[in-house]
Amino acid sequence: MEYRRFNNTIVARIDRGEEILAQIKELALKENIKFAHVSALGETNDFTVGVYKVDEKKYYKNHFVGDFEIVSLTGTINTMNHEFYTHIHMSAGNDSGEVFGGHLNEAVVSATCEMVITIIDGEVERFLDDETGLNLFLF
């Protein structure tokens, strides 16, 4: 991964073979990012996304292998218990135009991933909500 910072905006290139969430974490820790918005596009050939069922308080994972365009990757970097935390969703389309997506668990870049991180001045923690079983924003 390579990146350049412009005040509160970071433009990054995640390279072939690198895992997206691992690169986001590395960059966030290096730049001491506590709260930010993340958006990206690119290509992946191996990714896992999940769908959360609130009534079961459980994620169901879907794993995909093949040639996919990342048509949308969006989410946040923030903290939980004052430690790095990220919540990212991703959608990716195949060569038939079918799109699959959900909560991002893992995605390996097959060509490139172009990412923009907009750093927000401040910090928003998360807490485990017993009712939903999710880590929600704490205000």
C-alpha atoms as a PDB file:
ATOM      1  CA  MET A   1       0.000   0.000   0.000  1.00  0.00           C
ATOM      2  CA  GLU A   2       1.065   3.513  -0.719  1.00  0.00           C
ATOM      3  CA  TYR A   3      -0.724   6.686   0.283  1.00  0.00           C
ATOM      4  CA  ARG A   4      -0.521  10.432   0.528  1.00  0.00           C
ATOM      5  CA  ARG A   5      -2.112  12.653   3.162  1.00  0.00           C
ATOM      6  CA  PHE A   6      -3.644  16.034   2.314  1.00  0.00           C
ATOM      7  CA  ASN A   7      -4.627  17.667   5.626  1.00  0.00           C
ATOM      8  CA  ASN A   8      -7.641  15.562   6.737  1.00  0.00           C
ATOM      9  CA  THR A   9      -7.872  13.458   3.574  1.00  0.00           C
ATOM     10  CA  ILE A  10      -5.804  10.392   2.752  1.00  0.00           C
ATOM     11  CA  VAL A  11      -5.667   8.942  -0.753  1.00  0.00           C
ATOM     12  CA  ALA A  12      -4.376   5.364  -0.777  1.00  0.00           C
ATOM     13  CA  ARG A  13      -3.569   2.650  -3.271  1.00  0.00           C
ATOM     14  CA  ILE A  14      -3.853  -0.883  -1.935  1.00  0.00           C
ATOM     15  CA  ASP A  15      -1.910  -3.270  -4.136  1.00  0.00           C
ATOM     16  CA  ARG A  16      -2.412  -6.710  -5.628  1.00  0.00           C
ATOM     17  CA  GLY A  17      -2.367  -9.474  -2.998  1.00  0.00           C
ATOM     18  CA  GLU A  18      -2.958  -7.148  -0.044  1.00  0.00           C
ATOM     19  CA  GLU A  19      -5.960  -7.623   2.220  1.00  0.00           C
ATOM     20  CA  ILE A  20      -8.087  -4.463   2.465  1.00  0.00           C
ATOM     21  CA  LEU A  21      -9.073  -4.510   6.165  1.00  0.00           C
ATOM     22  CA  ALA A  22      -5.494  -5.234   7.255  1.00  0.00           C
ATOM     23  CA  GLN A  23      -4.260  -2.265   5.205  1.00  0.00           C
ATOM     24  CA  ILE A  24      -6.944   0.041   6.636  1.00  0.00           C
ATOM     25  CA  LYS A  25      -5.905  -0.947  10.164  1.00  0.00           C
ATOM     26  CA  GLU A  26      -2.199  -0.453   9.438  1.00  0.00           C
ATOM     27  CA  LEU A  27      -2.827   2.993   7.958  1.00  0.00           C
ATOM     28  CA  ALA A  28      -5.206   4.076  10.749  1.00  0.00           C
ATOM     29  CA  LEU A  29      -2.750   3.092  13.477  1.00  0.00           C
ATOM     30  CA  LYS A  30       0.188   4.713  11.689  1.00  0.00           C
ATOM     31  CA  GLU A  31      -1.731   7.972  11.158  1.00  0.00           C
ATOM     32  CA  ASN A  32      -3.439   7.826  14.587  1.00  0.00           C
ATOM     33  CA  ILE A  33      -6.911   8.031  13.049  1.00  0.00           C
ATOM     34  CA  LYS A  34      -9.688   7.907  15.662  1.00  0.00           C
ATOM     35  CA  PHE A  35     -12.676   8.750  13.442  1.00  0.00           C
ATOM     36  CA  ALA A  36     -12.993   8.758   9.651  1.00  0.00           C
ATOM     37  CA  HIS A  37     -15.140   7.902   6.656  1.00  0.00           C
ATOM     38  CA  VAL A  38     -13.758   5.344   4.179  1.00  0.00           C
ATOM     39  CA  SER A  39     -14.732   4.869   0.530  1.00  0.00           C
ATOM     40  CA  ALA A  40     -13.076   2.827  -2.199  1.00  0.00           C
ATOM     41  CA  LEU A  41     -13.353   0.923  -5.455  1.00  0.00           C
ATOM     42  CA  GLY A  42     -11.142  -1.578  -7.244  1.00  0.00           C
ATOM     43  CA  GLU A  43     -10.851  -5.280  -7.969  1.00  0.00           C
ATOM     44  CA  THR A  44     -10.892  -8.386  -5.810  1.00  0.00           C
ATOM     45  CA  ASN A  45     -10.680 -12.089  -6.545  1.00  0.00           C
ATOM     46  CA  ASP A  46     -11.338 -13.415  -3.047  1.00  0.00           C
ATOM     47  CA  PHE A  47     -13.704 -11.816  -0.542  1.00  0.00           C
ATOM     48  CA  THR A  48     -16.025 -12.661   2.316  1.00  0.00           C
ATOM     49  CA  VAL A  49     -19.016 -10.554   3.316  1.00  0.00           C
ATOM     50  CA  GLY A  50     -21.667 -11.186   5.916  1.00  0.00           C
ATOM     51  CA  VAL A  51     -25.310 -10.497   6.554  1.00  0.00           C
ATOM     52  CA  TYR A  52     -26.440  -9.983  10.145  1.00  0.00           C
ATOM     53  CA  LYS A  53     -29.662 -11.540  11.393  1.00  0.00           C
ATOM     54  CA  VAL A  54     -30.768  -9.438  14.352  1.00  0.00           C
ATOM     55  CA  ASP A  55     -33.230 -12.003  15.721  1.00  0.00           C
ATOM     56  CA  GLU A  56     -30.385 -14.556  15.945  1.00  0.00           C
ATOM     57  CA  LYS A  57     -27.652 -12.003  16.796  1.00  0.00           C
ATOM     58  CA  LYS A  58     -25.461 -13.767  14.262  1.00  0.00           C
ATOM     59  CA  TYR A  59     -23.591 -12.992  11.038  1.00  0.00           C
ATOM     60  CA  TYR A  60     -23.863 -15.352   8.086  1.00  0.00           C
ATOM     61  CA  LYS A  61     -20.791 -15.277   5.844  1.00  0.00           C
ATOM     62  CA  ASN A  62     -20.683 -15.571   2.076  1.00  0.00           C
ATOM     63  CA  HIS A  63     -17.320 -16.285   0.434  1.00  0.00           C
ATOM     64  CA  PHE A  64     -16.655 -15.445  -3.233  1.00  0.00           C
ATOM     65  CA  VAL A  65     -13.731 -16.374  -5.484  1.00  0.00           C
ATOM     66  CA  GLY A  66     -13.335 -15.119  -9.067  1.00  0.00           C
ATOM     67  CA  ASP A  67     -13.026 -11.835 -10.920  1.00  0.00           C
ATOM     68  CA  PHE A  68     -15.006  -9.070  -9.212  1.00  0.00           C
ATOM     69  CA  GLU A  69     -15.117  -5.276  -9.492  1.00  0.00           C
ATOM     70  CA  ILE A  70     -15.527  -3.515  -6.155  1.00  0.00           C
ATOM     71  CA  VAL A  71     -18.410  -1.228  -7.038  1.00  0.00           C
ATOM     72  CA  SER A  72     -18.773   0.189  -3.548  1.00  0.00           C
ATOM     73  CA  LEU A  73     -16.789   0.029  -0.344  1.00  0.00           C
ATOM     74  CA  THR A  74     -17.908   2.360   2.405  1.00  0.00           C
ATOM     75  CA  GLY A  75     -17.717   2.615   6.161  1.00  0.00           C
ATOM     76  CA  THR A  76     -16.029   4.122   9.176  1.00  0.00           C
ATOM     77  CA  ILE A  77     -12.875   3.971  11.195  1.00  0.00           C
ATOM     78  CA  ASN A  78     -13.476   4.678  14.861  1.00  0.00           C
ATOM     79  CA  THR A  79     -12.735   3.200  18.285  1.00  0.00           C
ATOM     80  CA  MET A  80     -14.184   0.764  20.783  1.00  0.00           C
ATOM     81  CA  ASN A  81     -12.719   0.742  24.284  1.00  0.00           C
ATOM     82  CA  HIS A  82     -10.244   3.316  22.899  1.00  0.00           C
ATOM     83  CA  GLU A  83      -8.846   0.737  20.455  1.00  0.00           C
ATOM     84  CA  PHE A  84      -8.977   0.683  16.641  1.00  0.00           C
ATOM     85  CA  TYR A  85     -12.343  -0.398  15.251  1.00  0.00           C
ATOM     86  CA  THR A  86     -13.714  -0.360  11.735  1.00  0.00           C
ATOM     87  CA  HIS A  87     -17.116  -1.029  10.214  1.00  0.00           C
ATOM     88  CA  ILE A  88     -16.968  -1.520   6.437  1.00  0.00           C
ATOM     89  CA  HIS A  89     -19.485  -2.769   3.880  1.00  0.00           C
ATOM     90  CA  MET A  90     -18.582  -3.816   0.345  1.00  0.00           C
ATOM     91  CA  SER A  91     -20.398  -4.689  -2.870  1.00  0.00           C
ATOM     92  CA  ALA A  92     -18.654  -6.363  -5.798  1.00  0.00           C
ATOM     93  CA  GLY A  93     -19.905  -7.342  -9.227  1.00  0.00           C
ATOM     94  CA  ASN A  94     -18.953 -10.247 -11.476  1.00  0.00           C
ATOM     95  CA  ASP A  95     -18.662 -10.415 -15.273  1.00  0.00           C
ATOM     96  CA  SER A  96     -22.406 -11.179 -15.570  1.00  0.00           C
ATOM     97  CA  GLY A  97     -23.339  -7.991 -13.750  1.00  0.00           C
ATOM     98  CA  GLU A  98     -24.429  -9.766 -10.594  1.00  0.00           C
ATOM     99  CA  VAL A  99     -23.530  -7.859  -7.428  1.00  0.00           C
ATOM    100  CA  PHE A 100     -22.909  -9.404  -4.017  1.00  0.00           C
ATOM    101  CA  GLY A 101     -22.249  -7.553  -0.812  1.00  0.00           C
ATOM    102  CA  GLY A 102     -22.588  -7.091   2.893  1.00  0.00           C
ATOM    103  CA  HIS A 103     -20.460  -6.499   5.972  1.00  0.00           C
ATOM    104  CA  LEU A 104     -16.832  -6.908   4.908  1.00  0.00           C
ATOM    105  CA  ASN A 105     -14.920  -9.688   6.654  1.00  0.00           C
ATOM    106  CA  GLU A 106     -12.019  -9.970   4.220  1.00  0.00           C
ATOM    107  CA  ALA A 107     -11.092  -8.940   0.673  1.00  0.00           C
ATOM    108  CA  VAL A 108      -7.867  -9.581  -1.218  1.00  0.00           C
ATOM    109  CA  VAL A 109      -7.015  -7.081  -3.947  1.00  0.00           C
ATOM    110  CA  SER A 110      -6.518  -8.669  -7.369  1.00  0.00           C
ATOM    111  CA  ALA A 111      -5.359  -5.575  -9.298  1.00  0.00           C
ATOM    112  CA  THR A 112      -5.720  -2.373  -7.274  1.00  0.00           C
ATOM    113  CA  CYS A 113      -7.940  -0.679  -4.728  1.00  0.00           C
ATOM    114  CA  GLU A 114      -8.240   3.115  -4.739  1.00  0.00           C
ATOM    115  CA  MET A 115      -9.317   4.429  -1.362  1.00  0.00           C
ATOM    116  CA  VAL A 116     -10.155   7.836   0.085  1.00  0.00           C
ATOM    117  CA  ILE A 117     -10.236   8.275   3.849  1.00  0.00           C
ATOM    118  CA  THR A 118     -11.754  11.478   5.185  1.00  0.00           C
ATOM    119  CA  ILE A 119     -10.605  12.098   8.743  1.00  0.00           C
ATOM    120  CA  ILE A 120     -13.217  13.631  11.041  1.00  0.00           C
ATOM    121  CA  ASP A 121     -12.030  15.845  13.869  1.00  0.00           C
ATOM    122  CA  GLY A 122     -13.136  14.081  17.040  1.00  0.00           C
ATOM    123  CA  GLU A 123     -13.764  10.603  18.340  1.00  0.00           C
ATOM    124  CA  VAL A 124     -16.862   8.415  18.499  1.00  0.00           C
ATOM    125  CA  GLU A 125     -16.601   5.256  20.566  1.00  0.00           C
ATOM    126  CA  ARG A 126     -18.711   2.136  20.138  1.00  0.00           C
ATOM    127  CA  PHE A 127     -20.535   0.001  22.693  1.00  0.00           C
ATOM    128  CA  LEU A 128     -22.041  -3.465  22.576  1.00  0.00           C
ATOM    129  CA  ASP A 129     -25.810  -3.080  22.392  1.00  0.00           C
ATOM    130  CA  ASP A 130     -27.446  -6.021  24.192  1.00  0.00           C
ATOM    131  CA  GLU A 131     -30.732  -5.673  22.304  1.00  0.00           C
ATOM    132  CA  THR A 132     -29.240  -6.001  18.800  1.00  0.00           C
ATOM    133  CA  GLY A 133     -25.929  -7.680  19.597  1.00  0.00           C
ATOM    134  CA  LEU A 134     -24.132  -5.033  17.508  1.00  0.00           C
ATOM    135  CA  ASN A 135     -21.362  -2.562  18.332  1.00  0.00           C
ATOM    136  CA  LEU A 136     -23.152   0.776  17.951  1.00  0.00           C
ATOM    137  CA  PHE A 137     -22.004   4.397  18.024  1.00  0.00           C
ATOM    138  CA  LEU A 138     -21.827   5.757  21.567  1.00  0.00           C
ATOM    139  CA  PHE A 139     -22.814   9.423  21.938  1.00  0.00           C
END
